[in-house]
Every structure is written in C-alpha cells, then in structure tokens.
Amino acid sequence: MGDFAEILPTVVKIQNTLMNMKSTVTVTGPESAGLRVDDCEVWKMVSKVWDRETAPCYKVTQASIRGLLRGAFPDREFEITQKQLIPMGDPCCEVEIIVK
C-alpha cells in the first residue's frame, strides 16, 4: 500500500492517457485531493448522443477513477464528490477525492 499523496498524481497521469483527458490533480492533504479535467474525450463522444441533462460522462469518469484507485490502493475506500461538470456549463469537470 502506497502513500496516497505521492501515488495519486501517477494514477491521474495513467487516467489521462487511458481516457485521453487533460487534467490536473491538486493534493490538498495526506488523504484528500482535487481532480480538475479541462478537456475530456468522454464528453466529446457522449455529447454526440446525449444532451447536457442526460449525458452520463461523469459516471464514466468516476468509475475510471474508482478503478484506478482500487488498483493503486486495494485496501482503502474513497469518497468521490462531483464539484463541477462541463456538460452543465461549468468550465471544467472537477471532483474531490477523499480517503475514507
């Protein structure tokens, strides 16, 4: 089991590559961080099929974050809270990640 604050930036880099996203992570404490996505291929793809109110892209992003966190920290649980959503007109998608 690794140190959350040290390993999370590497996990986010992997997610950026896998999902073709442009995001940054800000570690806010030893067990908390913020993830900001400024450009996201998931939204670009789903926006061709769904409108802003029905687009499930944030579910895909959160599921990918959970999967990567589960792989990096198999003995920990996380709370992921959506703070902003590009589909709802926000300038970015932003989530807060807290180790439970």
PDB file of N, CA and C in Angstrom:
ATOM      1  N   MET A   1       0.851  -1.173   0.000  1.00  0.00           N
ATOM      2  CA  MET A   1       0.000   0.000   0.000  1.00  0.00           C
ATOM      3  C   MET A   1       0.895   1.235   0.000  1.00  0.00           C
ATOM      4  N   GLY A   2       0.632   2.149  -0.905  1.00  0.00           N
ATOM      5  CA  GLY A   2       1.472   3.327  -1.031  1.00  0.00           C
ATOM      6  C   GLY A   2       0.871   4.545  -0.369  1.00  0.00           C
ATOM      7  N   ASP A   3       1.642   5.599  -0.368  1.00  0.00           N
ATOM      8  CA  ASP A   3       1.208   6.871   0.186  1.00  0.00           C
ATOM      9  C   ASP A   3       0.309   7.578  -0.819  1.00  0.00           C
ATOM     10  N   PHE A   4      -0.906   7.865  -0.428  1.00  0.00           N
ATOM     11  CA  PHE A   4      -1.915   8.463  -1.297  1.00  0.00           C
ATOM     12  C   PHE A   4      -1.391   9.725  -1.990  1.00  0.00           C
ATOM     13  N   ALA A   5      -0.844  10.662  -1.219  1.00  0.00           N
ATOM     14  CA  ALA A   5      -0.412  11.947  -1.766  1.00  0.00           C
ATOM     15  C   ALA A   5       0.724  11.808  -2.776  1.00  0.00           C
ATOM     16  N   GLU A   6       1.532  10.770  -2.646  1.00  0.00           N
ATOM     17  CA  GLU A   6       2.633  10.578  -3.584  1.00  0.00           C
ATOM     18  C   GLU A   6       2.221   9.799  -4.830  1.00  0.00           C
ATOM     19  N   ILE A   7       1.318   8.841  -4.666  1.00  0.00           N
ATOM     20  CA  ILE A   7       0.955   7.947  -5.767  1.00  0.00           C
ATOM     21  C   ILE A   7      -0.183   8.500  -6.626  1.00  0.00           C
ATOM     22  N   LEU A   8      -1.092   9.285  -6.050  1.00  0.00           N
ATOM     23  CA  LEU A   8      -2.246   9.779  -6.812  1.00  0.00           C
ATOM     24  C   LEU A   8      -1.855  10.509  -8.098  1.00  0.00           C
ATOM     25  N   PRO A   9      -0.857  11.405  -8.105  1.00  0.00           N
ATOM     26  CA  PRO A   9      -0.504  12.054  -9.376  1.00  0.00           C
ATOM     27  C   PRO A   9      -0.129  11.057 -10.482  1.00  0.00           C
ATOM     28  N   THR A  10       0.510   9.963 -10.131  1.00  0.00           N
ATOM     29  CA  THR A  10       0.849   8.937 -11.123  1.00  0.00           C
ATOM     30  C   THR A  10      -0.413   8.249 -11.623  1.00  0.00           C
ATOM     31  N   VAL A  11      -1.346   7.976 -10.709  1.00  0.00           N
ATOM     32  CA  VAL A  11      -2.615   7.351 -11.086  1.00  0.00           C
ATOM     33  C   VAL A  11      -3.386   8.263 -12.047  1.00  0.00           C
ATOM     34  N   VAL A  12      -3.398   9.557 -11.767  1.00  0.00           N
ATOM     35  CA  VAL A  12      -4.090  10.516 -12.637  1.00  0.00           C
ATOM     36  C   VAL A  12      -3.414  10.585 -14.009  1.00  0.00           C
ATOM     37  N   LYS A  13      -2.107  10.505 -14.039  1.00  0.00           N
ATOM     38  CA  LYS A  13      -1.394  10.504 -15.323  1.00  0.00           C
ATOM     39  C   LYS A  13      -1.812   9.300 -16.172  1.00  0.00           C
ATOM     40  N   ILE A  14      -1.982   8.150 -15.526  1.00  0.00           N
ATOM     41  CA  ILE A  14      -2.451   6.952 -16.230  1.00  0.00           C
ATOM     42  C   ILE A  14      -3.855   7.186 -16.777  1.00  0.00           C
ATOM     43  N   GLN A  15      -4.739   7.762 -15.947  1.00  0.00           N
ATOM     44  CA  GLN A  15      -6.106   8.033 -16.402  1.00  0.00           C
ATOM     45  C   GLN A  15      -6.099   8.999 -17.580  1.00  0.00           C
ATOM     46  N   ASN A  16      -5.268  10.022 -17.524  1.00  0.00           N
ATOM     47  CA  ASN A  16      -5.180  10.976 -18.641  1.00  0.00           C
ATOM     48  C   ASN A  16      -4.839  10.262 -19.937  1.00  0.00           C
ATOM     49  N   THR A  17      -3.907   9.325 -19.858  1.00  0.00           N
ATOM     50  CA  THR A  17      -3.502   8.577 -21.044  1.00  0.00           C
ATOM     51  C   THR A  17      -4.613   7.656 -21.522  1.00  0.00           C
ATOM     52  N   LEU A  18      -5.213   6.894 -20.593  1.00  0.00           N
ATOM     53  CA  LEU A  18      -6.253   5.929 -20.964  1.00  0.00           C
ATOM     54  C   LEU A  18      -7.494   6.590 -21.548  1.00  0.00           C
ATOM     55  N   MET A  19      -7.890   7.721 -20.982  1.00  0.00           N
ATOM     56  CA  MET A  19      -9.140   8.352 -21.392  1.00  0.00           C
ATOM     57  C   MET A  19      -8.931   9.587 -22.256  1.00  0.00           C
ATOM     58  N   ASN A  20      -7.682   9.845 -22.653  1.00  0.00           N
ATOM     59  CA  ASN A  20      -7.359  10.996 -23.491  1.00  0.00           C
ATOM     60  C   ASN A  20      -7.930  12.287 -22.903  1.00  0.00           C
ATOM     61  N   MET A  21      -7.583  12.516 -21.644  1.00  0.00           N
ATOM     62  CA  MET A  21      -8.077  13.688 -20.932  1.00  0.00           C
ATOM     63  C   MET A  21      -6.918  14.622 -20.615  1.00  0.00           C
ATOM     64  N   LYS A  22      -7.245  15.882 -20.406  1.00  0.00           N
ATOM     65  CA  LYS A  22      -6.279  16.846 -19.913  1.00  0.00           C
ATOM     66  C   LYS A  22      -6.751  17.247 -18.526  1.00  0.00           C
ATOM     67  N   SER A  23      -6.060  16.728 -17.514  1.00  0.00           N
ATOM     68  CA  SER A  23      -6.483  17.021 -16.153  1.00  0.00           C
ATOM     69  C   SER A  23      -5.282  17.267 -15.261  1.00  0.00           C
ATOM     70  N   THR A  24      -5.566  17.873 -14.135  1.00  0.00           N
ATOM     71  CA  THR A  24      -4.549  18.128 -13.129  1.00  0.00           C
ATOM     72  C   THR A  24      -5.080  17.671 -11.777  1.00  0.00           C
ATOM     73  N   VAL A  25      -4.160  17.249 -10.938  1.00  0.00           N
ATOM     74  CA  VAL A  25      -4.520  16.836  -9.589  1.00  0.00           C
ATOM     75  C   VAL A  25      -3.834  17.784  -8.613  1.00  0.00           C
ATOM     76  N   THR A  26      -4.584  18.180  -7.603  1.00  0.00           N
ATOM     77  CA  THR A  26      -4.055  19.004  -6.537  1.00  0.00           C
ATOM     78  C   THR A  26      -4.239  18.247  -5.242  1.00  0.00           C
ATOM     79  N   VAL A  27      -3.139  17.837  -4.640  1.00  0.00           N
ATOM     80  CA  VAL A  27      -3.211  17.141  -3.363  1.00  0.00           C
ATOM     81  C   VAL A  27      -3.466  18.202  -2.299  1.00  0.00           C
ATOM     82  N   THR A  28      -4.580  18.068  -1.568  1.00  0.00           N
ATOM     83  CA  THR A  28      -4.969  19.065  -0.576  1.00  0.00           C
ATOM     84  C   THR A  28      -4.667  18.621   0.852  1.00  0.00           C
ATOM     85  N   GLY A  29      -4.261  17.382   1.018  1.00  0.00           N
ATOM     86  CA  GLY A  29      -3.916  16.858   2.331  1.00  0.00           C
ATOM     87  C   GLY A  29      -3.388  15.451   2.186  1.00  0.00           C
ATOM     88  N   PRO A  30      -3.001  14.814   3.280  1.00  0.00           N
ATOM     89  CA  PRO A  30      -2.456  13.460   3.182  1.00  0.00           C
ATOM     90  C   PRO A  30      -3.471  12.426   2.692  1.00  0.00           C
ATOM     91  N   GLU A  31      -4.774  12.749   2.812  1.00  0.00           N
ATOM     92  CA  GLU A  31      -5.808  11.810   2.374  1.00  0.00           C
ATOM     93  C   GLU A  31      -6.913  12.491   1.569  1.00  0.00           C
ATOM     94  N   SER A  32      -6.564  13.577   0.882  1.00  0.00           N
ATOM     95  CA  SER A  32      -7.560  14.265   0.059  1.00  0.00           C
ATOM     96  C   SER A  32      -6.891  14.959  -1.121  1.00  0.00           C
ATOM     97  N   ALA A  33      -7.671  15.101  -2.188  1.00  0.00           N
ATOM     98  CA  ALA A  33      -7.156  15.746  -3.401  1.00  0.00           C
ATOM     99  C   ALA A  33      -8.316  16.215  -4.255  1.00  0.00           C
ATOM    100  N   GLY A  34      -8.007  17.126  -5.152  1.00  0.00           N
ATOM    101  CA  GLY A  34      -8.960  17.568  -6.151  1.00  0.00           C
ATOM    102  C   GLY A  34      -8.448  17.186  -7.525  1.00  0.00           C
ATOM    103  N   LEU A  35      -9.358  16.806  -8.398  1.00  0.00           N
ATOM    104  CA  LEU A  35      -9.014  16.460  -9.769  1.00  0.00           C
ATOM    105  C   LEU A  35      -9.829  17.363 -10.681  1.00  0.00           C
ATOM    106  N   ARG A  36      -9.143  18.093 -11.534  1.00  0.00           N
ATOM    107  CA  ARG A  36      -9.800  19.018 -12.466  1.00  0.00           C
ATOM    108  C   ARG A  36      -9.524  18.546 -13.887  1.00  0.00           C
ATOM    109  N   VAL A  37     -10.599  18.347 -14.647  1.00  0.00           N
ATOM    110  CA  VAL A  37     -10.499  17.928 -16.045  1.00  0.00           C
ATOM    111  C   VAL A  37     -10.905  19.115 -16.915  1.00  0.00           C
ATOM    112  N   ASP A  38      -9.963  19.584 -17.723  1.00  0.00           N
ATOM    113  CA  ASP A  38     -10.229  20.740 -18.581  1.00  0.00           C
ATOM    114  C   ASP A  38     -10.634  20.357 -19.996  1.00  0.00           C
ATOM    115  N   ASP A  39     -10.221  19.187 -20.441  1.00  0.00           N
ATOM    116  CA  ASP A  39     -10.561  18.725 -21.791  1.00  0.00           C
ATOM    117  C   ASP A  39     -10.759  17.222 -21.712  1.00  0.00           C
ATOM    118  N   CYS A  40     -11.912  16.757 -22.201  1.00  0.00           N
ATOM    119  CA  CYS A  40     -12.258  15.352 -21.989  1.00  0.00           C
ATOM    120  C   CYS A  40     -12.877  14.737 -23.240  1.00  0.00           C
ATOM    121  N   GLU A  41     -12.249  13.681 -23.723  1.00  0.00           N
ATOM    122  CA  GLU A  41     -12.768  12.979 -24.887  1.00  0.00           C
ATOM    123  C   GLU A  41     -14.080  12.258 -24.586  1.00  0.00           C
ATOM    124  N   VAL A  42     -14.277  11.839 -23.330  1.00  0.00           N
ATOM    125  CA  VAL A  42     -15.539  11.172 -22.963  1.00  0.00           C
ATOM    126  C   VAL A  42     -16.703  12.114 -23.240  1.00  0.00           C
ATOM    127  N   TRP A  43     -16.610  13.362 -22.766  1.00  0.00           N
ATOM    128  CA  TRP A  43     -17.684  14.329 -23.006  1.00  0.00           C
ATOM    129  C   TRP A  43     -17.864  14.586 -24.492  1.00  0.00           C
ATOM    130  N   LYS A  44     -16.784  14.707 -25.227  1.00  0.00           N
ATOM    131  CA  LYS A  44     -16.888  14.949 -26.666  1.00  0.00           C
ATOM    132  C   LYS A  44     -17.629  13.811 -27.360  1.00  0.00           C
ATOM    133  N   MET A  45     -17.376  12.573 -26.920  1.00  0.00           N
ATOM    134  CA  MET A  45     -18.047  11.422 -27.526  1.00  0.00           C
ATOM    135  C   MET A  45     -19.520  11.360 -27.135  1.00  0.00           C
ATOM    136  N   VAL A  46     -19.821  11.439 -25.835  1.00  0.00           N
ATOM    137  CA  VAL A  46     -21.214  11.270 -25.411  1.00  0.00           C
ATOM    138  C   VAL A  46     -22.088  12.460 -25.795  1.00  0.00           C
ATOM    139  N   SER A  47     -21.490  13.632 -25.986  1.00  0.00           N
ATOM    140  CA  SER A  47     -22.298  14.795 -26.363  1.00  0.00           C
ATOM    141  C   SER A  47     -22.873  14.657 -27.762  1.00  0.00           C
ATOM    142  N   LYS A  48     -22.358  13.713 -28.548  1.00  0.00           N
ATOM    143  CA  LYS A  48     -22.904  13.460 -29.880  1.00  0.00           C
ATOM    144  C   LYS A  48     -24.211  12.669 -29.790  1.00  0.00           C
ATOM    145  N   VAL A  49     -24.425  11.999 -28.649  1.00  0.00           N
ATOM    146  CA  VAL A  49     -25.597  11.144 -28.486  1.00  0.00           C
ATOM    147  C   VAL A  49     -26.563  11.700 -27.435  1.00  0.00           C
ATOM    148  N   TRP A  50     -26.020  12.210 -26.328  1.00  0.00           N
ATOM    149  CA  TRP A  50     -26.852  12.703 -25.237  1.00  0.00           C
ATOM    150  C   TRP A  50     -26.738  14.211 -25.113  1.00  0.00           C
ATOM    151  N   ASP A  51     -27.772  14.818 -24.524  1.00  0.00           N
ATOM    152  CA  ASP A  51     -27.697  16.249 -24.253  1.00  0.00           C
ATOM    153  C   ASP A  51     -27.108  16.461 -22.857  1.00  0.00           C
ATOM    154  N   ARG A  52     -26.972  17.702 -22.466  1.00  0.00           N
ATOM    155  CA  ARG A  52     -26.337  18.044 -21.191  1.00  0.00           C
ATOM    156  C   ARG A  52     -26.994  17.379 -19.986  1.00  0.00           C
ATOM    157  N   GLU A  53     -28.323  17.289 -19.996  1.00  0.00           N
ATOM    158  CA  GLU A  53     -29.036  16.761 -18.838  1.00  0.00           C
ATOM    159  C   GLU A  53     -28.943  15.236 -18.722  1.00  0.00           C
ATOM    160  N   THR A  54     -28.722  14.551 -19.821  1.00  0.00           N
ATOM    161  CA  THR A  54     -28.727  13.085 -19.776  1.00  0.00           C
ATOM    162  C   THR A  54     -27.349  12.460 -19.988  1.00  0.00           C
ATOM    163  N   ALA A  55     -26.348  13.275 -20.251  1.00  0.00           N
ATOM    164  CA  ALA A  55     -25.006  12.745 -20.528  1.00  0.00           C
ATOM    165  C   ALA A  55     -24.438  12.029 -19.303  1.00  0.00           C
ATOM    166  N   PRO A  56     -24.042  10.772 -19.467  1.00  0.00           N
ATOM    167  CA  PRO A  56     -23.511  10.002 -18.338  1.00  0.00           C
ATOM    168  C   PRO A  56     -21.990  10.081 -18.201  1.00  0.00           C
ATOM    169  N   CYS A  57     -21.363  11.068 -18.823  1.00  0.00           N
ATOM    170  CA  CYS A  57     -19.899  11.073 -18.857  1.00  0.00           C
ATOM    171  C   CYS A  57     -19.282  11.126 -17.469  1.00  0.00           C
ATOM    172  N   TYR A  58     -19.894  11.859 -16.533  1.00  0.00           N
ATOM    173  CA  TYR A  58     -19.305  11.930 -15.197  1.00  0.00           C
ATOM    174  C   TYR A  58     -19.301  10.560 -14.524  1.00  0.00           C
ATOM    175  N   LYS A  59     -20.273   9.716 -14.857  1.00  0.00           N
ATOM    176  CA  LYS A  59     -20.278   8.355 -14.305  1.00  0.00           C
ATOM    177  C   LYS A  59     -19.100   7.552 -14.835  1.00  0.00           C
ATOM    178  N   VAL A  60     -18.780   7.737 -16.106  1.00  0.00           N
ATOM    179  CA  VAL A  60     -17.633   7.048 -16.710  1.00  0.00           C
ATOM    180  C   VAL A  60     -16.343   7.530 -16.052  1.00  0.00           C
ATOM    181  N   THR A  61     -16.215   8.833 -15.888  1.00  0.00           N
ATOM    182  CA  THR A  61     -15.016   9.393 -15.271  1.00  0.00           C
ATOM    183  C   THR A  61     -14.867   8.896 -13.838  1.00  0.00           C
ATOM    184  N   GLN A  62     -15.952   8.943 -13.058  1.00  0.00           N
ATOM    185  CA  GLN A  62     -15.883   8.487 -11.673  1.00  0.00           C
ATOM    186  C   GLN A  62     -15.582   6.996 -11.595  1.00  0.00           C
ATOM    187  N   ALA A  63     -16.162   6.203 -12.483  1.00  0.00           N
ATOM    188  CA  ALA A  63     -15.893   4.758 -12.487  1.00  0.00           C
ATOM    189  C   ALA A  63     -14.429   4.488 -12.821  1.00  0.00           C
ATOM    190  N   SER A  64     -13.866   5.254 -13.754  1.00  0.00           N
ATOM    191  CA  SER A  64     -12.456   5.046 -14.099  1.00  0.00           C
ATOM    192  C   SER A  64     -11.557   5.460 -12.937  1.00  0.00           C
ATOM    193  N   ILE A  65     -11.890   6.547 -12.263  1.00  0.00           N
ATOM    194  CA  ILE A  65     -11.116   6.973 -11.094  1.00  0.00           C
ATOM    195  C   ILE A  65     -11.180   5.908 -10.012  1.00  0.00           C
ATOM    196  N   ARG A  66     -12.374   5.398  -9.742  1.00  0.00           N
ATOM    197  CA  ARG A  66     -12.531   4.350  -8.717  1.00  0.00           C
ATOM    198  C   ARG A  66     -11.713   3.106  -9.065  1.00  0.00           C
ATOM    199  N   GLY A  67     -11.736   2.703 -10.318  1.00  0.00           N
ATOM    200  CA  GLY A  67     -10.986   1.529 -10.745  1.00  0.00           C
ATOM    201  C   GLY A  67      -9.488   1.712 -10.575  1.00  0.00           C
ATOM    202  N   LEU A  68      -8.992   2.872 -10.974  1.00  0.00           N
ATOM    203  CA  LEU A  68      -7.572   3.138 -10.818  1.00  0.00           C
ATOM    204  C   LEU A  68      -7.176   3.226  -9.345  1.00  0.00           C
ATOM    205  N   LEU A  69      -8.015   3.861  -8.526  1.00  0.00           N
ATOM    206  CA  LEU A  69      -7.728   3.951  -7.095  1.00  0.00           C
ATOM    207  C   LEU A  69      -7.751   2.568  -6.442  1.00  0.00           C
ATOM    208  N   ARG A  70      -8.696   1.739  -6.860  1.00  0.00           N
ATOM    209  CA  ARG A  70      -8.793   0.375  -6.321  1.00  0.00           C
ATOM    210  C   ARG A  70      -7.530  -0.419  -6.658  1.00  0.00           C
ATOM    211  N   GLY A  71      -7.003  -0.219  -7.851  1.00  0.00           N
ATOM    212  CA  GLY A  71      -5.775  -0.904  -8.236  1.00  0.00           C
ATOM    213  C   GLY A  71      -4.561  -0.391  -7.476  1.00  0.00           C
ATOM    214  N   ALA A  72      -4.500   0.924  -7.258  1.00  0.00           N
ATOM    215  CA  ALA A  72      -3.348   1.516  -6.574  1.00  0.00           C
ATOM    216  C   ALA A  72      -3.419   1.354  -5.056  1.00  0.00           C
ATOM    217  N   PHE A  73      -4.639   1.354  -4.527  1.00  0.00           N
ATOM    218  CA  PHE A  73      -4.846   1.302  -3.077  1.00  0.00           C
ATOM    219  C   PHE A  73      -5.929   0.271  -2.748  1.00  0.00           C
ATOM    220  N   PRO A  74      -5.651  -1.015  -2.925  1.00  0.00           N
ATOM    221  CA  PRO A  74      -6.694  -2.043  -2.783  1.00  0.00           C
ATOM    222  C   PRO A  74      -7.307  -2.154  -1.385  1.00  0.00           C
ATOM    223  N   ASP A  75      -6.625  -1.674  -0.364  1.00  0.00           N
ATOM    224  CA  ASP A  75      -7.135  -1.794   0.999  1.00  0.00           C
ATOM    225  C   ASP A  75      -7.835  -0.535   1.497  1.00  0.00           C
ATOM    226  N   ARG A  76      -8.036   0.425   0.625  1.00  0.00           N
ATOM    227  CA  ARG A  76      -8.666   1.688   1.042  1.00  0.00           C
ATOM    228  C   ARG A  76      -9.974   1.918   0.294  1.00  0.00           C
ATOM    229  N   GLU A  77     -10.841   2.708   0.923  1.00  0.00           N
ATOM    230  CA  GLU A  77     -12.081   3.128   0.278  1.00  0.00           C
ATOM    231  C   GLU A  77     -12.027   4.629   0.081  1.00  0.00           C
ATOM    232  N   PHE A  78     -12.726   5.095  -0.947  1.00  0.00           N
ATOM    233  CA  PHE A  78     -12.681   6.504  -1.300  1.00  0.00           C
ATOM    234  C   PHE A  78     -14.082   7.073  -1.466  1.00  0.00           C
ATOM    235  N   GLU A  79     -14.195   8.336  -1.163  1.00  0.00           N
ATOM    236  CA  GLU A  79     -15.406   9.098  -1.451  1.00  0.00           C
ATOM    237  C   GLU A  79     -15.049  10.048  -2.586  1.00  0.00           C
ATOM    238  N   ILE A  80     -15.821   9.998  -3.656  1.00  0.00           N
ATOM    239  CA  ILE A  80     -15.589  10.867  -4.807  1.00  0.00           C
ATOM    240  C   ILE A  80     -16.816  11.753  -4.970  1.00  0.00           C
ATOM    241  N   THR A  81     -16.610  13.061  -4.855  1.00  0.00           N
ATOM    242  CA  THR A  81     -17.705  14.015  -4.934  1.00  0.00           C
ATOM    243  C   THR A  81     -17.518  14.906  -6.152  1.00  0.00           C
ATOM    244  N   GLN A  82     -18.533  14.971  -6.996  1.00  0.00           N
ATOM    245  CA  GLN A  82     -18.500  15.810  -8.190  1.00  0.00           C
ATOM    246  C   GLN A  82     -18.765  17.249  -7.765  1.00  0.00           C
ATOM    247  N   LYS A  83     -17.867  18.157  -8.155  1.00  0.00           N
ATOM    248  CA  LYS A  83     -17.991  19.578  -7.812  1.00  0.00           C
ATOM    249  C   LYS A  83     -18.435  20.427  -8.999  1.00  0.00           C
ATOM    250  N   GLN A  84     -17.952  20.086 -10.195  1.00  0.00           N
ATOM    251  CA  GLN A  84     -18.300  20.823 -11.412  1.00  0.00           C
ATOM    252  C   GLN A  84     -18.439  19.845 -12.563  1.00  0.00           C
ATOM    253  N   LEU A  85     -19.245  20.238 -13.562  1.00  0.00           N
ATOM    254  CA  LEU A  85     -19.478  19.387 -14.730  1.00  0.00           C
ATOM    255  C   LEU A  85     -19.461  20.231 -16.007  1.00  0.00           C
ATOM    256  N   ILE A  86     -18.604  19.872 -16.937  1.00  0.00           N
ATOM    257  CA  ILE A  86     -18.579  20.556 -18.234  1.00  0.00           C
ATOM    258  C   ILE A  86     -19.955  20.484 -18.911  1.00  0.00           C
ATOM    259  N   PRO A  87     -20.630  19.309 -18.915  1.00  0.00           N
ATOM    260  CA  PRO A  87     -21.929  19.249 -19.585  1.00  0.00           C
ATOM    261  C   PRO A  87     -22.982  20.198 -19.004  1.00  0.00           C
ATOM    262  N   MET A  88     -22.805  20.614 -17.758  1.00  0.00           N
ATOM    263  CA  MET A  88     -23.782  21.519 -17.150  1.00  0.00           C
ATOM    264  C   MET A  88     -23.347  22.982 -17.263  1.00  0.00           C
ATOM    265  N   GLY A  89     -22.338  23.243 -18.108  1.00  0.00           N
ATOM    266  CA  GLY A  89     -21.918  24.607 -18.377  1.00  0.00           C
ATOM    267  C   GLY A  89     -20.742  25.093 -17.546  1.00  0.00           C
ATOM    268  N   ASP A  90     -20.224  24.247 -16.664  1.00  0.00           N
ATOM    269  CA  ASP A  90     -19.055  24.642 -15.879  1.00  0.00           C
ATOM    270  C   ASP A  90     -17.821  24.655 -16.785  1.00  0.00           C
ATOM    271  N   PRO A  91     -16.796  25.415 -16.419  1.00  0.00           N
ATOM    272  CA  PRO A  91     -15.606  25.478 -17.265  1.00  0.00           C
ATOM    273  C   PRO A  91     -14.760  24.211 -17.250  1.00  0.00           C
ATOM    274  N   CYS A  92     -15.046  23.318 -16.297  1.00  0.00           N
ATOM    275  CA  CYS A  92     -14.275  22.083 -16.181  1.00  0.00           C
ATOM    276  C   CYS A  92     -15.137  21.047 -15.457  1.00  0.00           C
ATOM    277  N   CYS A  93     -14.653  19.822 -15.437  1.00  0.00           N
ATOM    278  CA  CYS A  93     -15.216  18.825 -14.538  1.00  0.00           C
ATOM    279  C   CYS A  93     -14.248  18.739 -13.378  1.00  0.00           C
ATOM    280  N   GLU A  94     -14.790  18.739 -12.191  1.00  0.00           N
ATOM    281  CA  GLU A  94     -13.937  18.707 -11.011  1.00  0.00           C
ATOM    282  C   GLU A  94     -14.521  17.763  -9.983  1.00  0.00           C
ATOM    283  N   VAL A  95     -13.651  16.934  -9.421  1.00  0.00           N
ATOM    284  CA  VAL A  95     -14.067  16.029  -8.355  1.00  0.00           C
ATOM    285  C   VAL A  95     -13.137  16.169  -7.172  1.00  0.00           C
ATOM    286  N   GLU A  96     -13.702  15.870  -6.013  1.00  0.00           N
ATOM    287  CA  GLU A  96     -12.922  15.818  -4.789  1.00  0.00           C
ATOM    288  C   GLU A  96     -12.778  14.345  -4.416  1.00  0.00           C
ATOM    289  N   ILE A  97     -11.567  13.943  -4.078  1.00  0.00           N
ATOM    290  CA  ILE A  97     -11.282  12.548  -3.707  1.00  0.00           C
ATOM    291  C   ILE A  97     -10.821  12.557  -2.256  1.00  0.00           C
ATOM    292  N   ILE A  98     -11.492  11.776  -1.417  1.00  0.00           N
ATOM    293  CA  ILE A  98     -11.140  11.701  -0.001  1.00  0.00           C
ATOM    294  C   ILE A  98     -11.015  10.219   0.379  1.00  0.00           C
ATOM    295  N   VAL A  99      -9.935   9.902   1.063  1.00  0.00           N
ATOM    296  CA  VAL A  99      -9.755   8.542   1.591  1.00  0.00           C
ATOM    297  C   VAL A  99     -10.689   8.421   2.778  1.00  0.00           C
ATOM    298  N   LYS A 100     -11.504   7.352   2.782  1.00  0.00           N
ATOM    299  CA  LYS A 100     -12.429   7.143   3.901  1.00  0.00           C
ATOM    300  C   LYS A 100     -11.703   6.502   5.061  1.00  0.00           C
TER     301      LYS A 100
END
